[in-house]
PDB file of N, CA and C in Angstrom:
ATOM      1  N   MET A   1      98.238  97.089 115.823  1.00  0.00           N
ATOM      2  CA  MET A   1      98.215  97.973 116.953  1.00  0.00           C
ATOM      3  C   MET A   1      98.671  97.188 118.188  1.00  0.00           C
ATOM      4  N   GLN A   2      99.665  97.732 118.852  1.00  0.00           N
ATOM      5  CA  GLN A   2     100.177  97.073 120.054  1.00  0.00           C
ATOM      6  C   GLN A   2      99.357  97.532 121.252  1.00  0.00           C
ATOM      7  N   ILE A   3      99.018  96.582 122.118  1.00  0.00           N
ATOM      8  CA  ILE A   3      98.266  96.939 123.322  1.00  0.00           C
ATOM      9  C   ILE A   3      99.224  97.032 124.499  1.00  0.00           C
ATOM     10  N   SER A   4      98.853  97.809 125.479  1.00  0.00           N
ATOM     11  CA  SER A   4      99.695  97.975 126.658  1.00  0.00           C
ATOM     12  C   SER A   4      99.664  96.705 127.497  1.00  0.00           C
ATOM     13  N   GLU A   5     100.647  96.601 128.382  1.00  0.00           N
ATOM     14  CA  GLU A   5     100.688  95.448 129.284  1.00  0.00           C
ATOM     15  C   GLU A   5      99.462  95.429 130.202  1.00  0.00           C
ATOM     16  N   ALA A   6      98.997  96.625 130.578  1.00  0.00           N
ATOM     17  CA  ALA A   6      97.813  96.690 131.446  1.00  0.00           C
ATOM     18  C   ALA A   6      96.586  96.156 130.711  1.00  0.00           C
ATOM     19  N   ALA A   7      96.440  96.526 129.446  1.00  0.00           N
ATOM     20  CA  ALA A   7      95.307  96.037 128.665  1.00  0.00           C
ATOM     21  C   ALA A   7      95.417  94.531 128.437  1.00  0.00           C
ATOM     22  N   ARG A   8      96.629  94.061 128.228  1.00  0.00           N
ATOM     23  CA  ARG A   8      96.852  92.629 128.043  1.00  0.00           C
ATOM     24  C   ARG A   8      96.502  91.854 129.317  1.00  0.00           C
ATOM     25  N   ALA A   9      96.914  92.388 130.466  1.00  0.00           N
ATOM     26  CA  ALA A   9      96.596  91.753 131.747  1.00  0.00           C
ATOM     27  C   ALA A   9      95.099  91.748 131.998  1.00  0.00           C
ATOM     28  N   ASP A  10      94.431  92.853 131.643  1.00  0.00           N
ATOM     29  CA  ASP A  10      92.983  92.935 131.806  1.00  0.00           C
ATOM     30  C   ASP A  10      92.282  91.891 130.941  1.00  0.00           C
ATOM     31  N   LEU A  11      92.752  91.743 129.717  1.00  0.00           N
ATOM     32  CA  LEU A  11      92.196  90.733 128.818  1.00  0.00           C
ATOM     33  C   LEU A  11      92.380  89.343 129.419  1.00  0.00           C
ATOM     34  N   TYR A  12      93.564  89.079 129.933  1.00  0.00           N
ATOM     35  CA  TYR A  12      93.840  87.772 130.527  1.00  0.00           C
ATOM     36  C   TYR A  12      92.891  87.487 131.689  1.00  0.00           C
ATOM     37  N   HIS A  13      92.722  88.461 132.565  1.00  0.00           N
ATOM     38  CA  HIS A  13      91.842  88.248 133.723  1.00  0.00           C
ATOM     39  C   HIS A  13      90.386  88.039 133.295  1.00  0.00           C
ATOM     40  N   GLY A  14      89.960  88.756 132.264  1.00  0.00           N
ATOM     41  CA  GLY A  14      88.612  88.547 131.738  1.00  0.00           C
ATOM     42  C   GLY A  14      88.448  87.155 131.159  1.00  0.00           C
ATOM     43  N   LEU A  15      89.486  86.690 130.469  1.00  0.00           N
ATOM     44  CA  LEU A  15      89.446  85.340 129.900  1.00  0.00           C
ATOM     45  C   LEU A  15      89.426  84.284 130.995  1.00  0.00           C
ATOM     46  N   VAL A  16      90.174  84.520 132.067  1.00  0.00           N
ATOM     47  CA  VAL A  16      90.171  83.581 133.187  1.00  0.00           C
ATOM     48  C   VAL A  16      88.772  83.451 133.750  1.00  0.00           C
ATOM     49  N   GLU A  17      88.077  84.576 133.886  1.00  0.00           N
ATOM     50  CA  GLU A  17      86.700  84.554 134.410  1.00  0.00           C
ATOM     51  C   GLU A  17      85.766  83.777 133.487  1.00  0.00           C
ATOM     52  N   LEU A  18      85.938  83.971 132.177  1.00  0.00           N
ATOM     53  CA  LEU A  18      85.047  83.312 131.218  1.00  0.00           C
ATOM     54  C   LEU A  18      85.414  81.860 130.932  1.00  0.00           C
ATOM     55  N   LEU A  19      86.710  81.597 130.783  1.00  0.00           N
ATOM     56  CA  LEU A  19      87.147  80.291 130.291  1.00  0.00           C
ATOM     57  C   LEU A  19      87.866  79.430 131.312  1.00  0.00           C
ATOM     58  N   GLY A  20      88.351  80.050 132.346  1.00  0.00           N
ATOM     59  CA  GLY A  20      89.191  79.323 133.297  1.00  0.00           C
ATOM     60  C   GLY A  20      90.656  79.590 132.996  1.00  0.00           C
ATOM     61  N   GLU A  21      91.500  79.326 133.987  1.00  0.00           N
ATOM     62  CA  GLU A  21      92.914  79.696 133.867  1.00  0.00           C
ATOM     63  C   GLU A  21      93.643  78.938 132.760  1.00  0.00           C
ATOM     64  N   ASP A  22      93.426  77.633 132.663  1.00  0.00           N
ATOM     65  CA  ASP A  22      94.127  76.840 131.650  1.00  0.00           C
ATOM     66  C   ASP A  22      93.791  77.306 130.235  1.00  0.00           C
ATOM     67  N   ARG A  23      92.506  77.497 129.962  1.00  0.00           N
ATOM     68  CA  ARG A  23      92.091  77.935 128.626  1.00  0.00           C
ATOM     69  C   ARG A  23      92.557  79.357 128.343  1.00  0.00           C
ATOM     70  N   ALA A  24      92.521  80.202 129.350  1.00  0.00           N
ATOM     71  CA  ALA A  24      92.991  81.581 129.172  1.00  0.00           C
ATOM     72  C   ALA A  24      94.482  81.589 128.834  1.00  0.00           C
ATOM     73  N   GLU A  25      95.251  80.760 129.540  1.00  0.00           N
ATOM     74  CA  GLU A  25      96.691  80.641 129.273  1.00  0.00           C
ATOM     75  C   GLU A  25      96.921  80.175 127.844  1.00  0.00           C
ATOM     76  N   THR A  26      96.171  79.153 127.442  1.00  0.00           N
ATOM     77  CA  THR A  26      96.314  78.619 126.085  1.00  0.00           C
ATOM     78  C   THR A  26      96.020  79.697 125.048  1.00  0.00           C
ATOM     79  N   LEU A  27      94.948  80.421 125.227  1.00  0.00           N
ATOM     80  CA  LEU A  27      94.581  81.457 124.280  1.00  0.00           C
ATOM     81  C   LEU A  27      95.625  82.572 124.242  1.00  0.00           C
ATOM     82  N   MET A  28      96.127  82.975 125.380  1.00  0.00           N
ATOM     83  CA  MET A  28      97.097  84.060 125.426  1.00  0.00           C
ATOM     84  C   MET A  28      98.434  83.670 124.784  1.00  0.00           C
ATOM     85  N   THR A  29      98.760  82.382 124.806  1.00  0.00           N
ATOM     86  CA  THR A  29     100.007  81.962 124.149  1.00  0.00           C
ATOM     87  C   THR A  29      99.899  82.096 122.631  1.00  0.00           C
ATOM     88  N   HIS A  30      98.679  82.121 122.122  1.00  0.00           N
ATOM     89  CA  HIS A  30      98.472  82.296 120.684  1.00  0.00           C
ATOM     90  C   HIS A  30      98.340  83.764 120.309  1.00  0.00           C
ATOM     91  N   MET A  31      98.489  84.630 121.272  1.00  0.00           N
ATOM     92  CA  MET A  31      98.439  86.076 121.029  1.00  0.00           C
ATOM     93  C   MET A  31      99.727  86.687 121.564  1.00  0.00           C
ATOM     94  N   PRO A  32     100.850  86.389 120.892  1.00  0.00           N
ATOM     95  CA  PRO A  32     102.139  86.821 121.426  1.00  0.00           C
ATOM     96  C   PRO A  32     102.309  88.329 121.386  1.00  0.00           C
ATOM     97  N   ARG A  33     103.156  88.811 122.260  1.00  0.00           N
ATOM     98  CA  ARG A  33     103.516  90.226 122.244  1.00  0.00           C
ATOM     99  C   ARG A  33     104.371  90.456 121.008  1.00  0.00           C
ATOM    100  N   TYR A  34     104.377  91.654 120.530  1.00  0.00           N
ATOM    101  CA  TYR A  34     105.254  91.988 119.425  1.00  0.00           C
ATOM    102  C   TYR A  34     105.730  93.415 119.589  1.00  0.00           C
ATOM    103  N   GLU A  35     106.867  93.644 118.995  1.00  0.00           N
ATOM    104  CA  GLU A  35     107.431  94.984 118.983  1.00  0.00           C
ATOM    105  C   GLU A  35     107.061  95.629 117.647  1.00  0.00           C
ATOM    106  N   PRO A  36     106.763  96.918 117.657  1.00  0.00           N
ATOM    107  CA  PRO A  36     106.429  97.590 116.398  1.00  0.00           C
ATOM    108  C   PRO A  36     107.513  97.424 115.339  1.00  0.00           C
ATOM    109  N   ALA A  37     108.759  97.316 115.746  1.00  0.00           N
ATOM    110  CA  ALA A  37     109.847  97.152 114.779  1.00  0.00           C
ATOM    111  C   ALA A  37     109.802  95.780 114.100  1.00  0.00           C
ATOM    112  N   ASP A  38     109.097  94.823 114.702  1.00  0.00           N
ATOM    113  CA  ASP A  38     109.018  93.476 114.139  1.00  0.00           C
ATOM    114  C   ASP A  38     107.918  93.321 113.099  1.00  0.00           C
ATOM    115  N   VAL A  39     107.080  94.320 112.958  1.00  0.00           N
ATOM    116  CA  VAL A  39     105.947  94.245 112.041  1.00  0.00           C
ATOM    117  C   VAL A  39     106.366  94.789 110.677  1.00  0.00           C
ATOM    118  N   ALA A  40     106.030  94.061 109.621  1.00  0.00           N
ATOM    119  CA  ALA A  40     106.363  94.515 108.273  1.00  0.00           C
ATOM    120  C   ALA A  40     105.511  95.727 107.910  1.00  0.00           C
ATOM    121  N   THR A  41     106.145  96.695 107.290  1.00  0.00           N
ATOM    122  CA  THR A  41     105.441  97.888 106.840  1.00  0.00           C
ATOM    123  C   THR A  41     105.134  97.765 105.352  1.00  0.00           C
ATOM    124  N   LYS A  42     104.336  98.685 104.840  1.00  0.00           N
ATOM    125  CA  LYS A  42     104.046  98.694 103.404  1.00  0.00           C
ATOM    126  C   LYS A  42     105.331  98.877 102.612  1.00  0.00           C
ATOM    127  N   SER A  43     106.238  99.653 103.145  1.00  0.00           N
ATOM    128  CA  SER A  43     107.525  99.865 102.488  1.00  0.00           C
ATOM    129  C   SER A  43     108.318  98.560 102.422  1.00  0.00           C
ATOM    130  N   ASP A  44     108.282  97.798 103.512  1.00  0.00           N
ATOM    131  CA  ASP A  44     108.968  96.499 103.524  1.00  0.00           C
ATOM    132  C   ASP A  44     108.391  95.575 102.466  1.00  0.00           C
ATOM    133  N   ILE A  45     107.078  95.550 102.364  1.00  0.00           N
ATOM    134  CA  ILE A  45     106.404  94.684 101.392  1.00  0.00           C
ATOM    135  C   ILE A  45     106.756  95.111  99.974  1.00  0.00           C
ATOM    136  N   THR A  46     106.752  96.435  99.728  1.00  0.00           N
ATOM    137  CA  THR A  46     107.112  96.943  98.393  1.00  0.00           C
ATOM    138  C   THR A  46     108.538  96.541  98.045  1.00  0.00           C
ATOM    139  N   GLU A  47     109.440  96.680  99.011  1.00  0.00           N
ATOM    140  CA  GLU A  47     110.837  96.310  98.783  1.00  0.00           C
ATOM    141  C   GLU A  47     110.954  94.819  98.498  1.00  0.00           C
ATOM    142  N   LEU A  48     110.216  94.012  99.235  1.00  0.00           N
ATOM    143  CA  LEU A  48     110.237  92.565  99.023  1.00  0.00           C
ATOM    144  C   LEU A  48     109.719  92.208  97.633  1.00  0.00           C
ATOM    145  N   LYS A  49     108.641  92.876  97.208  1.00  0.00           N
ATOM    146  CA  LYS A  49     108.099  92.618  95.866  1.00  0.00           C
ATOM    147  C   LYS A  49     109.130  92.962  94.803  1.00  0.00           C
ATOM    148  N   SER A  50     109.843  94.060  95.001  1.00  0.00           N
ATOM    149  CA  SER A  50     110.883  94.469  94.057  1.00  0.00           C
ATOM    150  C   SER A  50     111.994  93.428  93.995  1.00  0.00           C
ATOM    151  N   GLU A  51     112.421  92.940  95.151  1.00  0.00           N
ATOM    152  CA  GLU A  51     113.469  91.929  95.198  1.00  0.00           C
ATOM    153  C   GLU A  51     113.015  90.623  94.559  1.00  0.00           C
ATOM    154  N   ILE A  52     111.753  90.273  94.741  1.00  0.00           N
ATOM    155  CA  ILE A  52     111.215  89.061  94.107  1.00  0.00           C
ATOM    156  C   ILE A  52     111.215  89.228  92.593  1.00  0.00           C
ATOM    157  N   GLY A  53     110.859  90.432  92.118  1.00  0.00           N
ATOM    158  CA  GLY A  53     110.894  90.709  90.683  1.00  0.00           C
ATOM    159  C   GLY A  53     112.293  90.553  90.119  1.00  0.00           C
ATOM    160  N   GLU A  54     113.296  91.074  90.842  1.00  0.00           N
ATOM    161  CA  GLU A  54     114.693  90.927  90.405  1.00  0.00           C
ATOM    162  C   GLU A  54     115.102  89.467  90.396  1.00  0.00           C
ATOM    163  N   LEU A  55     114.655  88.729  91.380  1.00  0.00           N
ATOM    164  CA  LEU A  55     114.961  87.301  91.453  1.00  0.00           C
ATOM    165  C   LEU A  55     114.355  86.559  90.267  1.00  0.00           C
ATOM    166  N   LYS A  56     113.143  86.917  89.890  1.00  0.00           N
ATOM    167  CA  LYS A  56     112.494  86.266  88.738  1.00  0.00           C
ATOM    168  C   LYS A  56     113.285  86.517  87.463  1.00  0.00           C
ATOM    169  N   VAL A  57     113.783  87.753  87.294  1.00  0.00           N
ATOM    170  CA  VAL A  57     114.583  88.081  86.106  1.00  0.00           C
ATOM    171  C   VAL A  57     115.856  87.245  86.103  1.00  0.00           C
ATOM    172  N   GLY A  58     116.508  87.145  87.260  1.00  0.00           N
ATOM    173  CA  GLY A  58     117.726  86.339  87.361  1.00  0.00           C
ATOM    174  C   GLY A  58     117.467  84.872  87.072  1.00  0.00           C
ATOM    175  N   LEU A  59     116.374  84.359  87.590  1.00  0.00           N
ATOM    176  CA  LEU A  59     116.038  82.953  87.351  1.00  0.00           C
ATOM    177  C   LEU A  59     115.718  82.693  85.881  1.00  0.00           C
ATOM    178  N   ALA A  60     115.096  83.668  85.224  1.00  0.00           N
ATOM    179  CA  ALA A  60     114.804  83.519  83.793  1.00  0.00           C
ATOM    180  C   ALA A  60     116.109  83.443  83.000  1.00  0.00           C
ATOM    181  N   ALA A  61     117.093  84.245  83.391  1.00  0.00           N
ATOM    182  CA  ALA A  61     118.393  84.200  82.718  1.00  0.00           C
ATOM    183  C   ALA A  61     119.078  82.855  82.940  1.00  0.00           C
ATOM    184  N   VAL A  62     119.012  82.346  84.147  1.00  0.00           N
ATOM    185  CA  VAL A  62     119.592  81.032  84.446  1.00  0.00           C
ATOM    186  C   VAL A  62     118.875  79.956  83.641  1.00  0.00           C
ATOM    187  N   ASN A  63     117.567  80.059  83.538  1.00  0.00           N
ATOM    188  CA  ASN A  63     116.792  79.085  82.776  1.00  0.00           C
ATOM    189  C   ASN A  63     117.214  79.094  81.308  1.00  0.00           C
ATOM    190  N   THR A  64     117.420  80.277  80.754  1.00  0.00           N
ATOM    191  CA  THR A  64     117.853  80.393  79.356  1.00  0.00           C
ATOM    192  C   THR A  64     119.205  79.727  79.164  1.00  0.00           C
ATOM    193  N   ARG A  65     120.130  79.972  80.089  1.00  0.00           N
ATOM    194  CA  ARG A  65     121.460  79.370  79.980  1.00  0.00           C
ATOM    195  C   ARG A  65     121.386  77.850  80.124  1.00  0.00           C
ATOM    196  N   LEU A  66     120.540  77.362  81.002  1.00  0.00           N
ATOM    197  CA  LEU A  66     120.382  75.914  81.151  1.00  0.00           C
ATOM    198  C   LEU A  66     119.795  75.288  79.888  1.00  0.00           C
ATOM    199  N   ASP A  67     118.852  75.993  79.260  1.00  0.00           N
ATOM    200  CA  ASP A  67     118.287  75.493  77.995  1.00  0.00           C
ATOM    201  C   ASP A  67     119.380  75.367  76.937  1.00  0.00           C
ATOM    202  N   ARG A  68     120.237  76.388  76.839  1.00  0.00           N
ATOM    203  CA  ARG A  68     121.338  76.343  75.868  1.00  0.00           C
ATOM    204  C   ARG A  68     122.298  75.209  76.192  1.00  0.00           C
ATOM    205  N   LEU A  69     122.637  75.055  77.466  1.00  0.00           N
ATOM    206  CA  LEU A  69     123.541  73.987  77.879  1.00  0.00           C
ATOM    207  C   LEU A  69     122.955  72.622  77.528  1.00  0.00           C
ATOM    208  N   PHE A  70     121.666  72.452  77.737  1.00  0.00           N
ATOM    209  CA  PHE A  70     121.008  71.191  77.417  1.00  0.00           C
ATOM    210  C   PHE A  70     121.123  70.894  75.924  1.00  0.00           C
ATOM    211  N   LEU A  71     120.894  71.910  75.092  1.00  0.00           N
ATOM    212  CA  LEU A  71     120.992  71.711  73.642  1.00  0.00           C
ATOM    213  C   LEU A  71     122.410  71.340  73.229  1.00  0.00           C
ATOM    214  N   VAL A  72     123.395  72.001  73.816  1.00  0.00           N
ATOM    215  CA  VAL A  72     124.792  71.684  73.498  1.00  0.00           C
ATOM    216  C   VAL A  72     125.112  70.255  73.915  1.00  0.00           C
ATOM    217  N   LEU A  73     124.653  69.853  75.105  1.00  0.00           N
ATOM    218  CA  LEU A  73     124.914  68.491  75.570  1.00  0.00           C
ATOM    219  C   LEU A  73     124.232  67.450  74.681  1.00  0.00           C
ATOM    220  N   VAL A  74     123.016  67.726  74.268  1.00  0.00           N
ATOM    221  CA  VAL A  74     122.304  66.793  73.387  1.00  0.00           C
ATOM    222  C   VAL A  74     123.014  66.709  72.042  1.00  0.00           C
ATOM    223  N   ALA A  75     123.423  67.861  71.500  1.00  0.00           N
ATOM    224  CA  ALA A  75     124.143  67.857  70.210  1.00  0.00           C
ATOM    225  C   ALA A  75     125.451  67.077  70.342  1.00  0.00           C
ATOM    226  N   GLY A  76     126.158  67.269  71.450  1.00  0.00           N
ATOM    227  CA  GLY A  76     127.405  66.531  71.670  1.00  0.00           C
ATOM    228  C   GLY A  76     127.161  65.037  71.788  1.00  0.00           C
ATOM    229  N   LEU A  77     126.097  64.669  72.473  1.00  0.00           N
ATOM    230  CA  LEU A  77     125.762  63.251  72.618  1.00  0.00           C
ATOM    231  C   LEU A  77     125.420  62.633  71.268  1.00  0.00           C
ATOM    232  N   VAL A  78     124.662  63.350  70.459  1.00  0.00           N
ATOM    233  CA  VAL A  78     124.311  62.848  69.124  1.00  0.00           C
ATOM    234  C   VAL A  78     125.574  62.685  68.279  1.00  0.00           C
ATOM    235  N   ALA A  79     126.477  63.662  68.356  1.00  0.00           N
ATOM    236  CA  ALA A  79     127.725  63.573  67.588  1.00  0.00           C
ATOM    237  C   ALA A  79     128.559  62.392  68.080  1.00  0.00           C
ATOM    238  N   PHE A  80     128.614  62.188  69.390  1.00  0.00           N
ATOM    239  CA  PHE A  80     129.368  61.072  69.951  1.00  0.00           C
ATOM    240  C   PHE A  80     128.782  59.734  69.485  1.00  0.00           C
ATOM    241  N   ILE A  81     127.474  59.613  69.526  1.00  0.00           N
ATOM    242  CA  ILE A  81     126.814  58.372  69.091  1.00  0.00           C
ATOM    243  C   ILE A  81     127.067  58.136  67.608  1.00  0.00           C
ATOM    244  N   ALA A  82     127.003  59.206  66.817  1.00  0.00           N
ATOM    245  CA  ALA A  82     127.259  59.071  65.380  1.00  0.00           C
ATOM    246  C   ALA A  82     128.697  58.626  65.130  1.00  0.00           C
ATOM    247  N   ALA A  83     129.635  59.193  65.883  1.00  0.00           N
ATOM    248  CA  ALA A  83     131.039  58.808  65.717  1.00  0.00           C
ATOM    249  C   ALA A  83     131.247  57.349  66.120  1.00  0.00           C
ATOM    250  N   MET A  84     130.640  56.940  67.220  1.00  0.00           N
ATOM    251  CA  MET A  84     130.768  55.546  67.669  1.00  0.00           C
ATOM    252  C   MET A  84     130.137  54.593  66.658  1.00  0.00           C
ATOM    253  N   ALA A  85     128.998  54.984  66.106  1.00  0.00           N
ATOM    254  CA  ALA A  85     128.334  54.143  65.115  1.00  0.00           C
ATOM    255  C   ALA A  85     129.208  54.036  63.861  1.00  0.00           C
ATOM    256  N   SER A  86     129.819  55.135  63.497  1.00  0.00           N
ATOM    257  CA  SER A  86     130.678  55.133  62.318  1.00  0.00           C
ATOM    258  C   SER A  86     131.875  54.213  62.527  1.00  0.00           C
ATOM    259  N   VAL A  87     132.475  54.295  63.699  1.00  0.00           N
ATOM    260  CA  VAL A  87     133.623  53.429  63.994  1.00  0.00           C
ATOM    261  C   VAL A  87     133.182  51.965  64.033  1.00  0.00           C
ATOM    262  N   THR A  88     132.043  51.697  64.625  1.00  0.00           N
ATOM    263  CA  THR A  88     131.553  50.341  64.746  1.00  0.00           C
ATOM    264  C   THR A  88     131.248  49.728  63.388  1.00  0.00           C
ATOM    265  N   PHE A  89     130.589  50.491  62.517  1.00  0.00           N
ATOM    266  CA  PHE A  89     130.204  49.949  61.216  1.00  0.00           C
ATOM    267  C   PHE A  89     131.394  49.917  60.252  1.00  0.00           C
ATOM    268  N   THR A  90     132.381  50.762  60.443  1.00  0.00           N
ATOM    269  CA  THR A  90     133.561  50.781  59.583  1.00  0.00           C
ATOM    270  C   THR A  90     134.463  49.590  59.883  1.00  0.00           C
ATOM    271  N   VAL A  91     134.627  49.303  61.194  1.00  0.00           N
ATOM    272  CA  VAL A  91     135.492  48.215  61.615  1.00  0.00           C
ATOM    273  C   VAL A  91     134.852  46.875  61.294  1.00  0.00           C
ATOM    274  N   GLY A  92     133.576  46.760  61.477  1.00  0.00           N
ATOM    275  CA  GLY A  92     132.866  45.488  61.340  1.00  0.00           C
ATOM    276  C   GLY A  92     132.656  45.102  59.952  1.00  0.00           C
TER     277      GLY A  92
END
């Protein structure tokens, strides 16, 4: 809920009376003004959750492809080592 500038000023003056000007200023800086358009709505949160779900699916697909790539690289490395060993033991 956004408060009016008059209510905000009233709060500030009350804080000055209770806490002093420096402390009131400090406290008010931690209570920034905001525009209603800047506040996330339930719809925004739902949309964000949906996008996160899509991102998780995409990341799972990337993970699967990386797993396959790793297996191919390991198989290639094993084949390369076997070929090198064969050449080494054949020549020697």
